[in-house]
């Protein structure tokens, strides 16, 4: 054992002395439950891996407290990432469920209309989020003419869909 390593009985003594206080601190930061105990255990794992730093510290107890703070900070980051991932997955599932309830992809639902100019016009406007100005520019017509064309397309498609129902 080198000069900068602590004897096992010293780490053991620090463990028995500091565990209750560190656990109380972890519980106040993380709440009751196993995660607080896990944080304290991780703190002592770090202490065992970094014995040299602990041995060279003028205040080993303070070193343990600071290490616990870092472990808690890392646990919170991990929890935040997991919560964000869960929220994203939940949101994605909700969107997929809503899409399934609406009848899935409009192109699949209205596949017989895919070559209909009115359908393509309305799809660009509604689903592709084109503005009237962008749509008019693409078609090479004025904005007013585009509005009128969209209005007529809506009426024709509405009649066709009503007929299909």
N, C-alpha and C. Protein backbone atom coordinates (compact mmCIF):
# COMPACT_ATOMS: atom_id res chain seq x y z
N UNK A 1 0.85 -1.18 0.00
CA UNK A 1 0.00 0.00 0.00
C UNK A 1 0.90 1.24 0.00
N UNK A 2 0.60 2.20 -0.85
CA UNK A 2 1.40 3.42 -0.93
C UNK A 2 0.95 4.40 0.15
N UNK A 3 1.74 5.49 0.26
CA UNK A 3 1.42 6.51 1.26
C UNK A 3 0.09 7.19 1.02
N UNK A 4 -0.31 7.28 -0.25
CA UNK A 4 -1.52 8.04 -0.56
C UNK A 4 -2.78 7.19 -0.58
N UNK A 5 -2.67 5.94 -0.25
CA UNK A 5 -3.86 5.10 -0.17
C UNK A 5 -4.27 4.96 1.29
N UNK A 6 -5.54 4.89 1.49
CA UNK A 6 -6.07 4.71 2.84
C UNK A 6 -6.15 3.22 3.15
N UNK A 7 -5.88 2.85 4.37
CA UNK A 7 -6.09 1.45 4.73
C UNK A 7 -7.59 1.13 4.68
N UNK A 8 -7.90 -0.12 4.39
CA UNK A 8 -9.31 -0.52 4.30
C UNK A 8 -10.08 -0.23 5.57
N UNK A 9 -9.43 -0.36 6.72
CA UNK A 9 -10.15 -0.08 7.96
C UNK A 9 -10.49 1.40 8.09
N UNK A 10 -9.70 2.30 7.47
CA UNK A 10 -10.01 3.72 7.50
C UNK A 10 -11.25 4.00 6.65
N UNK A 11 -11.32 3.41 5.45
CA UNK A 11 -12.51 3.59 4.61
C UNK A 11 -13.72 2.98 5.31
N UNK A 12 -13.52 1.84 5.93
CA UNK A 12 -14.61 1.19 6.66
C UNK A 12 -15.08 2.08 7.81
N UNK A 13 -14.13 2.69 8.52
CA UNK A 13 -14.50 3.57 9.64
C UNK A 13 -15.26 4.79 9.12
N UNK A 14 -14.79 5.37 8.00
CA UNK A 14 -15.51 6.51 7.42
C UNK A 14 -16.91 6.10 6.99
N UNK A 15 -17.03 4.90 6.44
CA UNK A 15 -18.33 4.39 6.01
C UNK A 15 -19.28 4.32 7.19
N UNK A 16 -18.83 3.68 8.26
CA UNK A 16 -19.72 3.52 9.43
C UNK A 16 -20.04 4.85 10.10
N UNK A 17 -19.08 5.75 10.08
CA UNK A 17 -19.31 7.06 10.69
C UNK A 17 -20.21 7.95 9.83
N UNK A 18 -19.97 7.98 8.53
CA UNK A 18 -20.62 8.96 7.66
C UNK A 18 -21.90 8.46 6.98
N UNK A 19 -22.09 7.15 6.91
CA UNK A 19 -23.23 6.62 6.18
C UNK A 19 -24.57 7.23 6.63
N UNK A 20 -24.89 7.25 7.94
CA UNK A 20 -26.20 7.80 8.34
C UNK A 20 -26.38 9.27 7.94
N UNK A 21 -25.32 10.08 8.10
CA UNK A 21 -25.42 11.50 7.75
C UNK A 21 -25.55 11.67 6.24
N UNK A 22 -24.76 10.93 5.47
CA UNK A 22 -24.84 11.02 4.01
C UNK A 22 -26.20 10.54 3.50
N UNK A 23 -26.72 9.49 4.13
CA UNK A 23 -28.03 8.97 3.73
C UNK A 23 -29.12 10.00 4.01
N UNK A 24 -29.04 10.66 5.16
CA UNK A 24 -30.03 11.70 5.49
C UNK A 24 -29.96 12.84 4.46
N UNK A 25 -28.75 13.23 4.08
CA UNK A 25 -28.58 14.28 3.08
C UNK A 25 -29.15 13.84 1.73
N UNK A 26 -28.83 12.61 1.32
CA UNK A 26 -29.31 12.09 0.03
C UNK A 26 -30.84 12.00 0.02
N UNK A 27 -31.42 11.58 1.14
CA UNK A 27 -32.89 11.50 1.21
C UNK A 27 -33.52 12.88 1.11
N UNK A 28 -32.88 13.88 1.71
CA UNK A 28 -33.44 15.23 1.62
C UNK A 28 -33.36 15.76 0.19
N UNK A 29 -32.34 15.32 -0.54
CA UNK A 29 -32.16 15.79 -1.91
C UNK A 29 -32.97 14.97 -2.92
N UNK A 30 -33.07 13.66 -2.68
CA UNK A 30 -33.68 12.76 -3.67
C UNK A 30 -35.01 12.16 -3.23
N UNK A 31 -35.36 12.34 -1.98
CA UNK A 31 -36.59 11.73 -1.48
C UNK A 31 -36.32 10.35 -0.90
N UNK A 32 -37.30 9.85 -0.22
CA UNK A 32 -37.18 8.52 0.38
C UNK A 32 -37.05 7.46 -0.70
N UNK A 33 -36.53 6.36 -0.34
CA UNK A 33 -36.46 5.25 -1.28
C UNK A 33 -35.04 4.80 -1.54
N UNK A 34 -34.95 3.81 -2.38
CA UNK A 34 -33.68 3.18 -2.66
C UNK A 34 -32.69 4.04 -3.41
N UNK A 35 -33.17 5.05 -4.10
CA UNK A 35 -32.25 5.86 -4.89
C UNK A 35 -31.29 6.65 -4.00
N UNK A 36 -31.76 7.07 -2.82
CA UNK A 36 -30.89 7.80 -1.90
C UNK A 36 -29.79 6.87 -1.37
N UNK A 37 -30.18 5.67 -1.03
CA UNK A 37 -29.17 4.70 -0.55
C UNK A 37 -28.20 4.35 -1.67
N UNK A 38 -28.70 4.24 -2.88
CA UNK A 38 -27.86 3.95 -4.03
C UNK A 38 -26.84 5.07 -4.24
N UNK A 39 -27.26 6.32 -4.03
CA UNK A 39 -26.35 7.46 -4.18
C UNK A 39 -25.22 7.41 -3.16
N UNK A 40 -25.55 7.04 -1.93
CA UNK A 40 -24.52 6.94 -0.89
C UNK A 40 -23.57 5.78 -1.20
N UNK A 41 -24.11 4.67 -1.64
CA UNK A 41 -23.26 3.54 -2.00
C UNK A 41 -22.32 3.92 -3.14
N UNK A 42 -22.85 4.63 -4.12
CA UNK A 42 -22.03 5.09 -5.25
C UNK A 42 -20.93 6.03 -4.77
N UNK A 43 -21.23 6.86 -3.78
CA UNK A 43 -20.24 7.76 -3.20
C UNK A 43 -19.06 6.97 -2.64
N UNK A 44 -19.36 5.89 -1.92
CA UNK A 44 -18.28 5.09 -1.35
C UNK A 44 -17.57 4.26 -2.42
N UNK A 45 -18.23 3.91 -3.49
CA UNK A 45 -17.55 3.25 -4.62
C UNK A 45 -16.53 4.21 -5.23
N UNK A 46 -16.93 5.47 -5.39
CA UNK A 46 -16.01 6.49 -5.91
C UNK A 46 -14.84 6.65 -4.95
N UNK A 47 -15.14 6.65 -3.66
CA UNK A 47 -14.08 6.79 -2.66
C UNK A 47 -13.07 5.64 -2.76
N UNK A 48 -13.56 4.44 -2.98
CA UNK A 48 -12.66 3.29 -3.11
C UNK A 48 -11.83 3.39 -4.39
N UNK A 49 -12.43 3.87 -5.46
CA UNK A 49 -11.71 4.01 -6.73
C UNK A 49 -10.70 5.15 -6.70
N UNK A 50 -11.01 6.18 -5.92
CA UNK A 50 -10.16 7.38 -5.89
C UNK A 50 -9.56 7.57 -4.49
N UNK A 51 -9.03 6.49 -3.96
CA UNK A 51 -8.45 6.52 -2.62
C UNK A 51 -7.35 7.56 -2.48
N UNK A 52 -6.60 7.73 -3.52
CA UNK A 52 -5.49 8.69 -3.48
C UNK A 52 -6.01 10.09 -3.18
N UNK A 53 -7.04 10.52 -3.92
CA UNK A 53 -7.62 11.85 -3.68
C UNK A 53 -8.18 11.97 -2.28
N UNK A 54 -8.87 10.92 -1.84
CA UNK A 54 -9.45 10.93 -0.49
C UNK A 54 -8.35 11.00 0.56
N UNK A 55 -7.27 10.24 0.37
CA UNK A 55 -6.16 10.24 1.34
C UNK A 55 -5.44 11.58 1.37
N UNK A 56 -5.33 12.24 0.22
CA UNK A 56 -4.63 13.52 0.16
C UNK A 56 -5.50 14.69 0.60
N UNK A 57 -6.79 14.45 0.73
CA UNK A 57 -7.70 15.52 1.13
C UNK A 57 -7.45 15.90 2.59
N UNK A 58 -7.40 17.22 2.86
CA UNK A 58 -7.25 17.64 4.26
C UNK A 58 -8.51 17.36 5.08
N UNK A 59 -9.64 17.13 4.37
CA UNK A 59 -10.91 16.89 5.05
C UNK A 59 -11.64 15.75 4.35
N UNK A 60 -11.33 14.49 4.70
CA UNK A 60 -11.95 13.35 4.02
C UNK A 60 -13.48 13.34 4.15
N UNK A 61 -14.01 13.80 5.26
CA UNK A 61 -15.46 13.82 5.44
C UNK A 61 -16.11 14.82 4.47
N UNK A 62 -15.49 15.98 4.33
CA UNK A 62 -15.96 16.98 3.37
C UNK A 62 -15.84 16.47 1.94
N UNK A 63 -14.76 15.72 1.67
CA UNK A 63 -14.57 15.14 0.34
C UNK A 63 -15.72 14.19 0.03
N UNK A 64 -16.12 13.39 1.01
CA UNK A 64 -17.24 12.46 0.82
C UNK A 64 -18.54 13.22 0.57
N UNK A 65 -18.77 14.30 1.31
CA UNK A 65 -19.99 15.09 1.13
C UNK A 65 -20.01 15.70 -0.27
N UNK A 66 -18.89 16.26 -0.71
CA UNK A 66 -18.83 16.84 -2.06
C UNK A 66 -19.01 15.77 -3.13
N UNK A 67 -18.45 14.60 -2.90
CA UNK A 67 -18.62 13.50 -3.85
C UNK A 67 -20.08 13.10 -3.92
N UNK A 68 -20.75 13.03 -2.77
CA UNK A 68 -22.18 12.72 -2.75
C UNK A 68 -22.97 13.77 -3.52
N UNK A 69 -22.64 15.03 -3.36
CA UNK A 69 -23.32 16.10 -4.11
C UNK A 69 -23.17 15.88 -5.61
N UNK A 70 -21.96 15.51 -6.03
CA UNK A 70 -21.74 15.25 -7.46
C UNK A 70 -22.52 14.03 -7.93
N UNK A 71 -22.58 13.00 -7.12
CA UNK A 71 -23.35 11.80 -7.48
C UNK A 71 -24.83 12.16 -7.60
N UNK A 72 -25.34 12.94 -6.67
CA UNK A 72 -26.75 13.37 -6.71
C UNK A 72 -27.01 14.19 -7.97
N UNK A 73 -26.10 15.10 -8.29
CA UNK A 73 -26.25 15.93 -9.49
C UNK A 73 -26.31 15.04 -10.74
N UNK A 74 -25.43 14.05 -10.80
CA UNK A 74 -25.42 13.14 -11.95
C UNK A 74 -26.71 12.31 -12.00
N UNK A 75 -27.19 11.85 -10.85
CA UNK A 75 -28.46 11.10 -10.82
C UNK A 75 -29.62 11.96 -11.32
N UNK A 76 -29.64 13.21 -10.91
CA UNK A 76 -30.71 14.12 -11.36
C UNK A 76 -30.65 14.33 -12.87
N UNK A 77 -29.43 14.49 -13.40
CA UNK A 77 -29.29 14.64 -14.86
C UNK A 77 -29.81 13.40 -15.57
N UNK A 78 -29.44 12.25 -15.05
CA UNK A 78 -29.90 10.99 -15.64
C UNK A 78 -31.41 10.88 -15.57
N UNK A 79 -31.98 11.23 -14.41
CA UNK A 79 -33.44 11.19 -14.26
C UNK A 79 -34.12 12.15 -15.23
N UNK A 80 -33.54 13.34 -15.40
CA UNK A 80 -34.12 14.33 -16.32
C UNK A 80 -34.08 13.81 -17.76
N UNK A 81 -32.96 13.20 -18.15
CA UNK A 81 -32.86 12.64 -19.50
C UNK A 81 -33.87 11.53 -19.70
N UNK A 82 -34.00 10.66 -18.69
CA UNK A 82 -34.97 9.57 -18.79
C UNK A 82 -36.39 10.09 -18.85
N UNK A 83 -36.68 11.13 -18.07
CA UNK A 83 -38.03 11.72 -18.08
C UNK A 83 -38.32 12.36 -19.44
N UNK A 84 -37.32 13.04 -20.01
CA UNK A 84 -37.50 13.66 -21.33
C UNK A 84 -37.71 12.59 -22.39
N UNK A 85 -36.94 11.51 -22.30
CA UNK A 85 -37.10 10.42 -23.26
C UNK A 85 -38.47 9.77 -23.12
N UNK A 86 -38.90 9.56 -21.90
CA UNK A 86 -40.22 8.98 -21.67
C UNK A 86 -41.32 9.89 -22.19
N UNK A 87 -41.17 11.21 -21.95
CA UNK A 87 -42.16 12.16 -22.45
C UNK A 87 -42.20 12.15 -23.98
N UNK A 88 -41.02 12.08 -24.60
CA UNK A 88 -40.97 12.05 -26.06
C UNK A 88 -41.61 10.77 -26.60
N UNK A 89 -41.33 9.66 -25.95
CA UNK A 89 -41.93 8.39 -26.39
C UNK A 89 -43.44 8.40 -26.19
N UNK A 90 -43.88 8.96 -25.07
CA UNK A 90 -45.31 9.05 -24.79
C UNK A 90 -45.99 9.95 -25.82
N UNK A 91 -45.35 11.09 -26.12
CA UNK A 91 -45.91 12.00 -27.11
C UNK A 91 -45.96 11.34 -28.49
N UNK A 92 -44.91 10.62 -28.84
CA UNK A 92 -44.88 9.93 -30.13
C UNK A 92 -45.98 8.89 -30.20
N UNK A 93 -46.14 8.13 -29.10
CA UNK A 93 -47.19 7.11 -29.06
C UNK A 93 -48.56 7.75 -29.17
N UNK A 94 -48.74 8.89 -28.50
CA UNK A 94 -50.02 9.60 -28.57
C UNK A 94 -50.31 10.05 -30.00
N UNK A 95 -49.27 10.58 -30.68
CA UNK A 95 -49.44 11.00 -32.07
C UNK A 95 -49.78 9.81 -32.95
N UNK A 96 -49.10 8.67 -32.72
CA UNK A 96 -49.38 7.48 -33.52
C UNK A 96 -50.79 6.97 -33.26
N UNK A 97 -51.20 7.00 -31.99
CA UNK A 97 -52.56 6.58 -31.66
C UNK A 97 -53.58 7.50 -32.31
N UNK A 98 -53.33 8.81 -32.25
CA UNK A 98 -54.25 9.77 -32.86
C UNK A 98 -54.29 9.57 -34.37
N UNK A 99 -53.13 9.30 -34.95
CA UNK A 99 -53.09 9.05 -36.39
C UNK A 99 -53.87 7.79 -36.74
N UNK A 100 -53.75 6.77 -35.91
CA UNK A 100 -54.50 5.53 -36.16
C UNK A 100 -56.00 5.78 -36.04
N UNK A 101 -56.39 6.62 -35.10
CA UNK A 101 -57.80 6.93 -34.93
C UNK A 101 -58.34 7.74 -36.11
N UNK A 102 -57.48 8.58 -36.68
CA UNK A 102 -57.92 9.39 -37.83
C UNK A 102 -57.94 8.58 -39.11
N UNK A 103 -57.37 7.41 -39.09
CA UNK A 103 -57.37 6.61 -40.30
C UNK A 103 -56.02 6.59 -40.98
N UNK A 104 -54.96 6.81 -40.24
CA UNK A 104 -53.57 6.79 -40.69
C UNK A 104 -53.26 7.86 -41.71
N UNK A 105 -52.32 7.57 -42.57
CA UNK A 105 -51.80 8.53 -43.53
C UNK A 105 -52.87 8.90 -44.56
N UNK A 106 -53.05 10.20 -44.80
CA UNK A 106 -54.06 10.63 -45.78
C UNK A 106 -53.84 10.03 -47.17
N UNK A 107 -52.57 9.86 -47.55
CA UNK A 107 -52.30 9.29 -48.88
C UNK A 107 -52.81 7.85 -48.97
N UNK A 108 -52.75 7.12 -47.85
CA UNK A 108 -53.29 5.76 -47.86
C UNK A 108 -54.81 5.79 -47.83
N UNK A 109 -55.34 6.68 -47.01
CA UNK A 109 -56.78 6.78 -46.86
C UNK A 109 -57.45 7.24 -48.15
N UNK A 110 -56.81 8.17 -48.85
CA UNK A 110 -57.39 8.72 -50.08
C UNK A 110 -56.51 8.38 -51.29
N UNK A 111 -56.04 7.16 -51.35
CA UNK A 111 -55.14 6.75 -52.44
C UNK A 111 -55.79 6.92 -53.82
N UNK A 112 -57.10 6.81 -53.88
CA UNK A 112 -57.77 6.98 -55.18
C UNK A 112 -57.74 8.43 -55.65
N UNK A 113 -57.41 9.36 -54.76
CA UNK A 113 -57.39 10.78 -55.11
C UNK A 113 -55.98 11.31 -55.35
N UNK A 114 -54.97 10.47 -55.25
CA UNK A 114 -53.59 10.95 -55.29
C UNK A 114 -53.25 11.72 -56.57
N UNK A 115 -53.92 11.43 -57.65
CA UNK A 115 -53.62 12.14 -58.90
C UNK A 115 -54.62 13.25 -59.18
N UNK A 116 -55.57 13.44 -58.29
CA UNK A 116 -56.56 14.51 -58.41
C UNK A 116 -55.88 15.84 -58.04
N UNK A 117 -55.94 16.81 -58.94
CA UNK A 117 -55.29 18.10 -58.72
C UNK A 117 -55.87 18.84 -57.51
N UNK A 118 -57.17 18.71 -57.28
CA UNK A 118 -57.78 19.36 -56.12
C UNK A 118 -57.21 18.79 -54.82
N UNK A 119 -57.08 17.47 -54.77
CA UNK A 119 -56.53 16.81 -53.58
C UNK A 119 -55.09 17.28 -53.34
N UNK A 120 -54.28 17.29 -54.38
CA UNK A 120 -52.88 17.72 -54.24
C UNK A 120 -52.78 19.17 -53.79
N UNK A 121 -53.66 20.00 -54.32
CA UNK A 121 -53.69 21.40 -53.93
C UNK A 121 -54.01 21.55 -52.44
N UNK A 122 -55.05 20.88 -52.00
CA UNK A 122 -55.45 20.96 -50.59
C UNK A 122 -54.42 20.31 -49.67
N UNK A 123 -53.80 19.25 -50.14
CA UNK A 123 -52.76 18.58 -49.34
C UNK A 123 -51.59 19.52 -49.10
N UNK A 124 -51.15 20.20 -50.16
CA UNK A 124 -50.05 21.16 -49.98
C UNK A 124 -50.43 22.24 -48.98
N UNK A 125 -51.64 22.69 -49.05
CA UNK A 125 -52.09 23.77 -48.19
C UNK A 125 -52.24 23.30 -46.74
N UNK A 126 -52.92 22.16 -46.54
CA UNK A 126 -53.25 21.72 -45.18
C UNK A 126 -52.11 20.92 -44.53
N UNK A 127 -51.59 19.94 -45.21
CA UNK A 127 -50.61 19.05 -44.60
C UNK A 127 -49.18 19.54 -44.74
N UNK A 128 -48.86 20.14 -45.86
CA UNK A 128 -47.50 20.59 -46.09
C UNK A 128 -47.28 22.02 -45.60
N UNK A 129 -48.34 22.62 -45.07
CA UNK A 129 -48.27 23.95 -44.46
C UNK A 129 -47.80 25.04 -45.43
N UNK A 130 -48.19 24.92 -46.71
CA UNK A 130 -47.91 26.00 -47.66
C UNK A 130 -48.78 27.19 -47.31
N UNK A 131 -48.28 28.38 -47.58
CA UNK A 131 -49.12 29.56 -47.48
C UNK A 131 -49.79 29.76 -48.82
N UNK A 132 -50.83 30.59 -48.86
CA UNK A 132 -51.50 30.88 -50.13
C UNK A 132 -50.51 31.50 -51.11
N UNK A 133 -49.63 32.37 -50.61
CA UNK A 133 -48.65 33.04 -51.48
C UNK A 133 -47.69 32.01 -52.08
N UNK A 134 -47.22 31.06 -51.25
CA UNK A 134 -46.30 30.03 -51.77
C UNK A 134 -47.00 29.15 -52.79
N UNK A 135 -48.22 28.80 -52.49
CA UNK A 135 -48.99 27.94 -53.39
C UNK A 135 -49.26 28.67 -54.72
N UNK A 136 -49.62 29.92 -54.62
CA UNK A 136 -49.88 30.72 -55.83
C UNK A 136 -48.62 30.83 -56.67
N UNK A 137 -47.48 31.08 -56.02
CA UNK A 137 -46.22 31.19 -56.75
C UNK A 137 -45.87 29.87 -57.44
N UNK A 138 -46.11 28.76 -56.77
CA UNK A 138 -45.82 27.45 -57.35
C UNK A 138 -46.70 27.19 -58.57
N UNK A 139 -47.94 27.61 -58.47
CA UNK A 139 -48.88 27.38 -59.57
C UNK A 139 -48.78 28.44 -60.67
N UNK A 140 -48.09 29.55 -60.36
CA UNK A 140 -47.94 30.61 -61.34
C UNK A 140 -49.21 31.43 -61.52
N UNK A 141 -49.98 31.60 -60.43
CA UNK A 141 -51.23 32.37 -60.49
C UNK A 141 -51.22 33.40 -59.37
N UNK A 142 -52.17 34.32 -59.39
CA UNK A 142 -52.24 35.32 -58.32
C UNK A 142 -52.77 34.68 -57.04
N UNK A 143 -52.57 35.35 -55.92
CA UNK A 143 -53.05 34.85 -54.64
C UNK A 143 -54.57 34.76 -54.64
N UNK A 144 -55.24 35.76 -55.21
CA UNK A 144 -56.71 35.73 -55.27
C UNK A 144 -57.20 34.55 -56.10
N UNK A 145 -56.54 34.30 -57.24
CA UNK A 145 -56.92 33.16 -58.07
C UNK A 145 -56.67 31.84 -57.32
N UNK A 146 -55.60 31.81 -56.55
CA UNK A 146 -55.29 30.61 -55.77
C UNK A 146 -56.37 30.37 -54.70
N UNK A 147 -56.78 31.43 -54.03
CA UNK A 147 -57.84 31.30 -53.01
C UNK A 147 -59.12 30.75 -53.63
N UNK A 148 -59.47 31.27 -54.78
CA UNK A 148 -60.69 30.81 -55.46
C UNK A 148 -60.55 29.35 -55.87
N UNK A 149 -59.36 28.97 -56.35
CA UNK A 149 -59.15 27.58 -56.76
C UNK A 149 -59.24 26.64 -55.55
N UNK A 150 -58.69 27.06 -54.42
CA UNK A 150 -58.76 26.26 -53.20
C UNK A 150 -60.22 26.13 -52.76
N UNK A 151 -60.96 27.21 -52.82
CA UNK A 151 -62.38 27.18 -52.43
C UNK A 151 -63.14 26.18 -53.30
N UNK A 152 -62.93 26.22 -54.59
CA UNK A 152 -63.60 25.28 -55.50
C UNK A 152 -63.16 23.84 -55.24
N UNK A 153 -61.86 23.67 -54.98
CA UNK A 153 -61.33 22.32 -54.72
C UNK A 153 -61.96 21.74 -53.46
N UNK A 154 -62.12 22.56 -52.43
CA UNK A 154 -62.75 22.08 -51.20
C UNK A 154 -64.18 21.60 -51.46
N UNK A 155 -64.91 22.41 -52.21
CA UNK A 155 -66.31 22.04 -52.50
C UNK A 155 -66.38 20.73 -53.28
N UNK A 156 -65.53 20.59 -54.31
CA UNK A 156 -65.55 19.37 -55.12
C UNK A 156 -65.16 18.15 -54.30
N UNK A 157 -64.12 18.28 -53.50
CA UNK A 157 -63.69 17.13 -52.69
C UNK A 157 -64.71 16.80 -51.60
N UNK A 158 -65.33 17.82 -51.05
CA UNK A 158 -66.35 17.57 -50.03
C UNK A 158 -67.52 16.80 -50.64
N UNK A 159 -67.95 17.18 -51.83
CA UNK A 159 -69.04 16.46 -52.49
C UNK A 159 -68.63 15.02 -52.77
N UNK A 160 -67.39 14.87 -53.23
CA UNK A 160 -66.92 13.51 -53.56
C UNK A 160 -66.85 12.64 -52.31
N UNK A 161 -66.35 13.19 -51.21
CA UNK A 161 -66.25 12.41 -49.97
C UNK A 161 -67.63 12.09 -49.40
N UNK A 162 -68.56 13.03 -49.49
CA UNK A 162 -69.93 12.78 -49.03
C UNK A 162 -70.56 11.68 -49.85
N UNK A 163 -70.29 11.67 -51.13
CA UNK A 163 -70.82 10.63 -52.02
C UNK A 163 -70.25 9.26 -51.64
N UNK A 164 -68.95 9.23 -51.27
CA UNK A 164 -68.29 7.98 -50.89
C UNK A 164 -68.81 7.44 -49.57
N UNK A 165 -69.28 8.32 -48.69
CA UNK A 165 -69.81 7.87 -47.39
C UNK A 165 -71.18 7.36 -47.58
